[in-house]
Amino acid sequence: MNCLKFLRTLPNDPESKLIRFQLGKSATSIGANYEESQAGSSKADFKNKVKIALREARESNF
């Protein structure tokens, strides 16, 4: 939520719009993928979803 609130503070220029879009996608994807991992059909599926969430977190951090 803090990330999404931060995105609202960015200017409305083309560069900021691009950052807002990409950061919004990656930041919200973290929770979605982690939540999906909780219903994994196997240990391998669980691990894969958690790895995807970690990659999204790294992208957001970047």
N, C-alpha and C. Protein backbone atom coordinates (compact mmCIF):
# COMPACT_ATOMS: atom_id res chain seq x y z
N MET A 1 0.82 -1.19 0.00
CA MET A 1 0.00 0.00 0.00
C MET A 1 0.87 1.25 0.00
N ASN A 2 1.97 1.20 0.74
CA ASN A 2 2.84 2.38 0.77
C ASN A 2 3.40 2.69 -0.60
N CYS A 3 3.72 1.66 -1.35
CA CYS A 3 4.24 1.86 -2.70
C CYS A 3 3.19 2.53 -3.58
N LEU A 4 1.96 2.05 -3.52
CA LEU A 4 0.90 2.63 -4.34
C LEU A 4 0.62 4.07 -3.93
N LYS A 5 0.70 4.35 -2.64
CA LYS A 5 0.52 5.74 -2.18
C LYS A 5 1.66 6.62 -2.70
N PHE A 6 2.88 6.08 -2.71
CA PHE A 6 4.02 6.82 -3.24
C PHE A 6 3.82 7.15 -4.72
N LEU A 7 3.33 6.18 -5.48
CA LEU A 7 3.14 6.38 -6.91
C LEU A 7 2.22 7.56 -7.21
N ARG A 8 1.27 7.81 -6.32
CA ARG A 8 0.36 8.95 -6.49
C ARG A 8 1.07 10.29 -6.39
N THR A 9 2.24 10.29 -5.76
CA THR A 9 2.96 11.55 -5.56
C THR A 9 3.86 11.91 -6.73
N LEU A 10 4.06 10.99 -7.66
CA LEU A 10 4.95 11.25 -8.80
C LEU A 10 4.32 12.26 -9.76
N PRO A 11 5.15 13.02 -10.44
CA PRO A 11 4.62 13.98 -11.43
C PRO A 11 3.90 13.26 -12.57
N ASN A 12 3.22 14.01 -13.38
CA ASN A 12 2.44 13.43 -14.46
C ASN A 12 3.14 13.53 -15.81
N ASP A 13 4.47 13.44 -15.82
CA ASP A 13 5.22 13.49 -17.07
C ASP A 13 5.38 12.08 -17.63
N PRO A 14 5.77 11.94 -18.90
CA PRO A 14 5.85 10.62 -19.53
C PRO A 14 6.79 9.64 -18.81
N GLU A 15 7.92 10.12 -18.33
CA GLU A 15 8.87 9.25 -17.63
C GLU A 15 8.26 8.70 -16.34
N SER A 16 7.62 9.56 -15.60
CA SER A 16 7.01 9.14 -14.34
C SER A 16 5.85 8.19 -14.58
N LYS A 17 5.12 8.40 -15.67
CA LYS A 17 4.01 7.49 -15.99
C LYS A 17 4.54 6.08 -16.24
N LEU A 18 5.67 6.00 -16.95
CA LEU A 18 6.28 4.69 -17.22
C LEU A 18 6.70 4.01 -15.92
N ILE A 19 7.37 4.76 -15.06
CA ILE A 19 7.80 4.21 -13.77
C ILE A 19 6.59 3.82 -12.94
N ARG A 20 5.58 4.67 -12.91
CA ARG A 20 4.37 4.39 -12.13
C ARG A 20 3.73 3.08 -12.59
N PHE A 21 3.62 2.90 -13.90
CA PHE A 21 3.01 1.70 -14.44
C PHE A 21 3.80 0.45 -14.06
N GLN A 22 5.11 0.47 -14.32
CA GLN A 22 5.93 -0.72 -14.09
C GLN A 22 6.05 -1.04 -12.61
N LEU A 23 6.29 -0.03 -11.79
CA LEU A 23 6.43 -0.26 -10.35
C LEU A 23 5.10 -0.72 -9.75
N GLY A 24 4.01 -0.16 -10.21
CA GLY A 24 2.70 -0.58 -9.73
C GLY A 24 2.44 -2.04 -10.03
N LYS A 25 2.81 -2.47 -11.24
CA LYS A 25 2.61 -3.87 -11.63
C LYS A 25 3.48 -4.80 -10.79
N SER A 26 4.76 -4.49 -10.67
CA SER A 26 5.66 -5.40 -9.95
C SER A 26 5.36 -5.43 -8.45
N ALA A 27 5.03 -4.28 -7.88
CA ALA A 27 4.77 -4.22 -6.45
C ALA A 27 3.51 -5.00 -6.07
N THR A 28 2.47 -4.90 -6.87
CA THR A 28 1.24 -5.63 -6.55
C THR A 28 1.36 -7.11 -6.89
N SER A 29 2.25 -7.43 -7.80
CA SER A 29 2.45 -8.83 -8.18
C SER A 29 3.10 -9.64 -7.06
N ILE A 30 3.85 -8.99 -6.21
CA ILE A 30 4.53 -9.69 -5.11
C ILE A 30 3.50 -10.42 -4.25
N GLY A 31 2.54 -9.66 -3.75
CA GLY A 31 1.52 -10.24 -2.88
C GLY A 31 0.65 -11.26 -3.58
N ALA A 32 0.31 -10.97 -4.83
CA ALA A 32 -0.54 -11.89 -5.59
C ALA A 32 0.16 -13.24 -5.77
N ASN A 33 1.42 -13.22 -6.13
CA ASN A 33 2.15 -14.47 -6.33
C ASN A 33 2.38 -15.21 -5.01
N TYR A 34 2.64 -14.47 -3.95
CA TYR A 34 2.83 -15.14 -2.66
C TYR A 34 1.52 -15.77 -2.20
N GLU A 35 0.43 -15.05 -2.36
CA GLU A 35 -0.87 -15.59 -1.98
C GLU A 35 -1.19 -16.85 -2.80
N GLU A 36 -0.89 -16.81 -4.07
CA GLU A 36 -1.12 -17.97 -4.93
C GLU A 36 -0.24 -19.15 -4.51
N SER A 37 0.95 -18.87 -4.00
CA SER A 37 1.83 -19.95 -3.58
C SER A 37 1.24 -20.74 -2.41
N GLN A 38 0.41 -20.10 -1.62
CA GLN A 38 -0.18 -20.76 -0.46
C GLN A 38 -1.13 -21.88 -0.87
N ALA A 39 -1.62 -21.83 -2.09
CA ALA A 39 -2.53 -22.87 -2.59
C ALA A 39 -1.84 -23.73 -3.63
N GLY A 40 -0.51 -23.78 -3.59
CA GLY A 40 0.24 -24.56 -4.56
C GLY A 40 -0.15 -26.02 -4.56
N SER A 41 -0.14 -26.61 -5.73
CA SER A 41 -0.55 -28.01 -5.86
C SER A 41 0.54 -28.98 -5.45
N SER A 42 1.76 -28.47 -5.29
CA SER A 42 2.89 -29.31 -4.87
C SER A 42 3.95 -28.42 -4.25
N LYS A 43 4.95 -29.05 -3.65
CA LYS A 43 6.06 -28.27 -3.09
C LYS A 43 6.79 -27.52 -4.19
N ALA A 44 6.93 -28.14 -5.35
CA ALA A 44 7.61 -27.48 -6.47
C ALA A 44 6.82 -26.27 -6.94
N ASP A 45 5.50 -26.39 -7.00
CA ASP A 45 4.65 -25.28 -7.40
C ASP A 45 4.76 -24.14 -6.38
N PHE A 46 4.73 -24.50 -5.10
CA PHE A 46 4.88 -23.50 -4.04
C PHE A 46 6.20 -22.75 -4.19
N LYS A 47 7.29 -23.48 -4.35
CA LYS A 47 8.62 -22.86 -4.48
C LYS A 47 8.68 -21.96 -5.70
N ASN A 48 8.09 -22.39 -6.80
CA ASN A 48 8.11 -21.59 -8.03
C ASN A 48 7.39 -20.27 -7.82
N LYS A 49 6.23 -20.30 -7.19
CA LYS A 49 5.46 -19.07 -6.96
C LYS A 49 6.21 -18.12 -6.02
N VAL A 50 6.85 -18.68 -5.01
CA VAL A 50 7.62 -17.84 -4.09
C VAL A 50 8.81 -17.22 -4.81
N LYS A 51 9.45 -17.97 -5.70
CA LYS A 51 10.56 -17.42 -6.48
C LYS A 51 10.09 -16.29 -7.39
N ILE A 52 8.92 -16.44 -7.97
CA ILE A 52 8.37 -15.38 -8.81
C ILE A 52 8.12 -14.14 -7.97
N ALA A 53 7.56 -14.31 -6.78
CA ALA A 53 7.32 -13.18 -5.89
C ALA A 53 8.64 -12.49 -5.53
N LEU A 54 9.67 -13.27 -5.29
CA LEU A 54 10.98 -12.70 -4.96
C LEU A 54 11.54 -11.89 -6.13
N ARG A 55 11.40 -12.41 -7.35
CA ARG A 55 11.87 -11.67 -8.53
C ARG A 55 11.12 -10.35 -8.67
N GLU A 56 9.82 -10.36 -8.42
CA GLU A 56 9.03 -9.13 -8.51
C GLU A 56 9.49 -8.14 -7.43
N ALA A 57 9.80 -8.66 -6.26
CA ALA A 57 10.29 -7.79 -5.18
C ALA A 57 11.62 -7.15 -5.56
N ARG A 58 12.49 -7.93 -6.18
CA ARG A 58 13.77 -7.39 -6.62
C ARG A 58 13.58 -6.33 -7.70
N GLU A 59 12.66 -6.58 -8.62
CA GLU A 59 12.36 -5.61 -9.66
C GLU A 59 11.82 -4.32 -9.04
N SER A 60 10.93 -4.45 -8.08
CA SER A 60 10.37 -3.28 -7.40
C SER A 60 11.46 -2.50 -6.68
N ASN A 61 12.37 -3.23 -6.04
CA ASN A 61 13.46 -2.58 -5.33
C ASN A 61 14.36 -1.80 -6.28
N PHE A 62 14.58 -2.35 -7.46
CA PHE A 62 15.40 -1.70 -8.46
C PHE A 62 14.78 -0.37 -8.86
